[in-house]
N, C-alpha and C. Protein backbone atom coordinates (compact mmCIF):
# COMPACT_ATOMS: atom_id res chain seq x y z
N MET A 1 10.42 23.25 18.69
CA MET A 1 11.21 22.17 18.08
C MET A 1 12.36 22.82 17.38
N LYS A 2 13.55 22.31 17.59
CA LYS A 2 14.76 22.88 16.96
C LYS A 2 15.64 21.77 16.43
N LYS A 3 16.03 21.85 15.17
CA LYS A 3 16.87 20.87 14.57
C LYS A 3 17.74 21.54 13.54
N ALA A 4 18.94 21.21 13.45
CA ALA A 4 19.86 21.77 12.47
C ALA A 4 19.92 23.31 12.56
N GLY A 5 19.79 23.82 13.77
CA GLY A 5 19.90 25.26 13.96
C GLY A 5 18.66 26.05 13.56
N VAL A 6 17.60 25.38 13.15
CA VAL A 6 16.35 26.02 12.68
C VAL A 6 15.28 25.79 13.70
N LYS A 7 14.70 26.85 14.24
CA LYS A 7 13.60 26.68 15.15
C LYS A 7 12.28 26.72 14.42
N VAL A 8 11.49 25.61 14.60
CA VAL A 8 10.26 25.48 13.91
C VAL A 8 9.11 25.45 14.96
N GLN A 9 8.17 26.30 14.78
CA GLN A 9 7.00 26.32 15.69
C GLN A 9 5.92 25.46 15.07
N PRO A 10 5.19 24.72 15.91
CA PRO A 10 4.08 23.87 15.39
C PRO A 10 3.07 24.70 14.52
N THR A 11 2.85 25.92 14.91
CA THR A 11 1.90 26.70 14.14
C THR A 11 2.40 27.00 12.71
N ASP A 12 3.74 27.05 12.54
CA ASP A 12 4.33 27.21 11.23
C ASP A 12 4.01 26.02 10.36
N ILE A 13 4.12 24.84 10.93
CA ILE A 13 3.82 23.61 10.18
C ILE A 13 2.34 23.43 9.90
N PHE A 14 1.52 23.76 10.88
CA PHE A 14 0.05 23.56 10.68
C PHE A 14 -0.54 24.40 9.55
N LYS A 15 0.04 25.60 9.36
CA LYS A 15 -0.51 26.39 8.26
C LYS A 15 -0.21 25.76 6.89
N TYR A 16 0.82 24.95 6.81
CA TYR A 16 1.13 24.29 5.55
C TYR A 16 0.21 23.09 5.31
N LEU A 17 -0.48 22.60 6.32
CA LEU A 17 -1.45 21.54 6.10
C LEU A 17 -2.57 21.97 5.19
N THR A 18 -2.91 23.23 5.28
CA THR A 18 -3.95 23.76 4.40
C THR A 18 -3.45 23.70 2.94
N VAL A 19 -2.19 23.99 2.69
CA VAL A 19 -1.66 23.91 1.34
C VAL A 19 -1.69 22.42 0.86
N VAL A 20 -1.33 21.53 1.70
CA VAL A 20 -1.37 20.13 1.35
C VAL A 20 -2.80 19.69 1.02
N GLU A 21 -3.72 20.09 1.86
CA GLU A 21 -5.13 19.72 1.66
C GLU A 21 -5.61 20.29 0.30
N GLU A 22 -5.28 21.50 0.02
CA GLU A 22 -5.73 22.13 -1.24
C GLU A 22 -5.10 21.42 -2.42
N ARG A 23 -3.83 21.05 -2.30
CA ARG A 23 -3.13 20.35 -3.36
C ARG A 23 -3.69 18.97 -3.63
N LEU A 24 -4.07 18.27 -2.53
CA LEU A 24 -4.65 16.93 -2.65
C LEU A 24 -6.04 17.04 -3.32
N GLY A 25 -6.80 18.02 -2.91
CA GLY A 25 -8.17 18.07 -3.41
C GLY A 25 -8.88 16.75 -3.13
N ASP A 26 -9.43 16.14 -4.16
CA ASP A 26 -10.08 14.87 -4.04
C ASP A 26 -9.17 13.71 -4.55
N ASN A 27 -7.89 14.02 -4.78
CA ASN A 27 -6.98 13.05 -5.34
C ASN A 27 -6.28 12.25 -4.23
N PRO A 28 -5.87 11.05 -4.52
CA PRO A 28 -5.12 10.31 -3.52
C PRO A 28 -3.68 10.79 -3.31
N TYR A 29 -3.10 11.45 -4.26
CA TYR A 29 -1.70 11.92 -4.19
C TYR A 29 -1.64 13.38 -4.62
N LEU A 30 -0.52 13.99 -4.27
CA LEU A 30 -0.37 15.42 -4.53
C LEU A 30 -0.38 15.76 -6.04
N ALA A 31 0.08 14.86 -6.88
CA ALA A 31 0.10 15.11 -8.31
C ALA A 31 -1.09 14.50 -9.02
N GLY A 32 -2.03 13.99 -8.30
CA GLY A 32 -3.25 13.38 -8.90
C GLY A 32 -3.42 11.94 -8.49
N GLU A 33 -3.61 11.12 -9.46
CA GLU A 33 -3.95 9.70 -9.24
C GLU A 33 -2.73 8.83 -8.97
N LYS A 34 -1.57 9.31 -9.31
CA LYS A 34 -0.34 8.51 -9.18
C LYS A 34 0.64 9.13 -8.19
N LEU A 35 1.28 8.26 -7.45
CA LEU A 35 2.31 8.69 -6.52
C LEU A 35 3.45 9.34 -7.29
N GLY A 36 3.92 10.52 -6.82
CA GLY A 36 4.97 11.23 -7.55
C GLY A 36 6.06 11.76 -6.64
N ILE A 37 6.97 12.53 -7.22
CA ILE A 37 8.11 13.06 -6.48
C ILE A 37 7.68 13.97 -5.33
N LEU A 38 6.62 14.76 -5.52
CA LEU A 38 6.16 15.62 -4.42
C LEU A 38 5.73 14.82 -3.24
N ASP A 39 5.04 13.71 -3.50
CA ASP A 39 4.58 12.81 -2.41
C ASP A 39 5.77 12.23 -1.68
N LEU A 40 6.70 11.76 -2.44
CA LEU A 40 7.89 11.15 -1.83
C LEU A 40 8.71 12.13 -0.99
N SER A 41 8.78 13.32 -1.51
CA SER A 41 9.53 14.36 -0.76
C SER A 41 8.86 14.74 0.54
N LEU A 42 7.57 14.99 0.47
CA LEU A 42 6.80 15.38 1.70
C LEU A 42 6.76 14.24 2.66
N TYR A 43 6.57 13.02 2.17
CA TYR A 43 6.53 11.83 3.05
C TYR A 43 7.83 11.70 3.78
N GLY A 44 8.95 11.82 3.05
CA GLY A 44 10.27 11.70 3.67
C GLY A 44 10.43 12.69 4.84
N VAL A 45 10.06 13.94 4.61
CA VAL A 45 10.15 14.96 5.64
C VAL A 45 9.20 14.64 6.80
N THR A 46 7.97 14.40 6.49
CA THR A 46 6.96 14.17 7.60
C THR A 46 7.22 12.88 8.34
N HIS A 47 7.88 11.88 7.70
CA HIS A 47 8.13 10.65 8.35
C HIS A 47 9.08 10.85 9.57
N THR A 48 9.97 11.84 9.45
CA THR A 48 10.89 12.13 10.58
C THR A 48 10.11 12.62 11.78
N PHE A 49 8.96 13.24 11.58
CA PHE A 49 8.10 13.68 12.69
C PHE A 49 7.36 12.53 13.35
N SER A 50 7.28 11.39 12.66
CA SER A 50 6.46 10.29 13.16
C SER A 50 7.11 9.50 14.28
N SER A 51 8.44 9.76 14.46
CA SER A 51 9.16 9.04 15.51
C SER A 51 9.43 9.97 16.71
N LYS A 52 9.71 9.34 17.84
CA LYS A 52 9.97 10.11 19.04
C LYS A 52 11.22 10.98 18.86
N PRO A 53 11.35 12.14 19.39
CA PRO A 53 10.48 12.76 20.37
C PRO A 53 9.37 13.63 19.79
N ALA A 54 9.25 13.68 18.46
CA ALA A 54 8.24 14.54 17.85
C ALA A 54 6.94 13.85 17.60
N HIS A 55 6.74 12.65 18.11
CA HIS A 55 5.53 11.90 17.79
C HIS A 55 4.25 12.60 18.19
N GLY A 56 4.22 13.25 19.35
CA GLY A 56 3.03 13.95 19.78
C GLY A 56 2.66 15.08 18.83
N PHE A 57 3.68 15.80 18.37
CA PHE A 57 3.47 16.83 17.34
C PHE A 57 2.94 16.25 16.04
N PHE A 58 3.46 15.14 15.65
CA PHE A 58 3.07 14.49 14.41
C PHE A 58 1.61 14.01 14.56
N GLN A 59 1.28 13.48 15.72
CA GLN A 59 -0.14 13.04 15.97
C GLN A 59 -1.05 14.19 15.85
N ASP A 60 -0.65 15.35 16.34
CA ASP A 60 -1.48 16.54 16.18
C ASP A 60 -1.73 16.89 14.75
N MET A 61 -0.69 16.74 13.91
CA MET A 61 -0.86 16.94 12.43
C MET A 61 -1.86 16.03 11.85
N LEU A 62 -1.83 14.73 12.20
CA LEU A 62 -2.74 13.79 11.70
C LEU A 62 -4.15 14.04 12.16
N ASP A 63 -4.31 14.45 13.44
CA ASP A 63 -5.60 14.79 14.01
C ASP A 63 -6.23 16.05 13.38
N LYS A 64 -5.37 16.98 13.03
CA LYS A 64 -5.84 18.32 12.50
C LYS A 64 -6.36 18.16 11.08
N SER A 65 -5.85 17.21 10.32
CA SER A 65 -6.21 17.12 8.89
C SER A 65 -6.52 15.70 8.46
N GLU A 66 -7.78 15.45 8.19
CA GLU A 66 -8.16 14.10 7.77
C GLU A 66 -7.54 13.75 6.41
N LYS A 67 -7.48 14.74 5.50
CA LYS A 67 -6.86 14.50 4.17
C LYS A 67 -5.42 14.17 4.32
N PHE A 68 -4.70 14.90 5.16
CA PHE A 68 -3.29 14.63 5.37
C PHE A 68 -3.12 13.25 5.97
N SER A 69 -3.93 12.95 6.97
CA SER A 69 -3.86 11.62 7.61
C SER A 69 -4.06 10.48 6.68
N LYS A 70 -5.06 10.58 5.81
CA LYS A 70 -5.33 9.54 4.83
C LYS A 70 -4.20 9.47 3.80
N TRP A 71 -3.70 10.61 3.35
CA TRP A 71 -2.56 10.63 2.43
C TRP A 71 -1.35 9.97 3.08
N TRP A 72 -1.04 10.34 4.35
CA TRP A 72 0.10 9.80 5.03
C TRP A 72 0.01 8.27 5.18
N MET A 73 -1.13 7.77 5.53
CA MET A 73 -1.29 6.30 5.69
C MET A 73 -1.18 5.63 4.31
N ARG A 74 -1.69 6.25 3.29
CA ARG A 74 -1.55 5.73 1.92
C ARG A 74 -0.05 5.68 1.55
N MET A 75 0.67 6.70 1.89
CA MET A 75 2.13 6.72 1.59
C MET A 75 2.86 5.66 2.42
N TYR A 76 2.45 5.55 3.68
CA TYR A 76 3.11 4.55 4.53
C TYR A 76 2.95 3.15 3.98
N GLU A 77 1.73 2.85 3.48
CA GLU A 77 1.47 1.56 2.91
C GLU A 77 2.28 1.35 1.61
N ALA A 78 2.46 2.40 0.84
CA ALA A 78 3.15 2.33 -0.45
C ALA A 78 4.66 2.27 -0.27
N VAL A 79 5.17 3.06 0.66
CA VAL A 79 6.66 3.28 0.80
C VAL A 79 7.22 2.55 1.99
N GLY A 80 6.52 2.64 3.12
CA GLY A 80 6.98 1.98 4.37
C GLY A 80 7.85 2.96 5.15
N VAL A 81 8.72 2.36 5.94
CA VAL A 81 9.55 3.14 6.84
C VAL A 81 10.70 3.77 6.10
N VAL A 82 10.99 5.03 6.38
CA VAL A 82 12.10 5.75 5.82
C VAL A 82 13.25 5.68 6.79
N ASN A 83 14.38 5.23 6.33
CA ASN A 83 15.54 5.14 7.25
C ASN A 83 16.51 6.31 6.99
């Protein structure tokens, strides 16, 4: 995947899912019980992956991490579509 002159490999992104999972722990959001700036920032970036042509890659992210998937759906319900 290449955008804005930066080549990103899926394996580069997948290793960061572990960081997100650790940060979430048992909390619904990255900062704890309340939605915060970290959540909004990560959601904005990951939302771009949810549309074509990167949808298959995004689905792999959701499938790889249940915590990320639940967090992302929670964010989608709270924030909606990012334009």
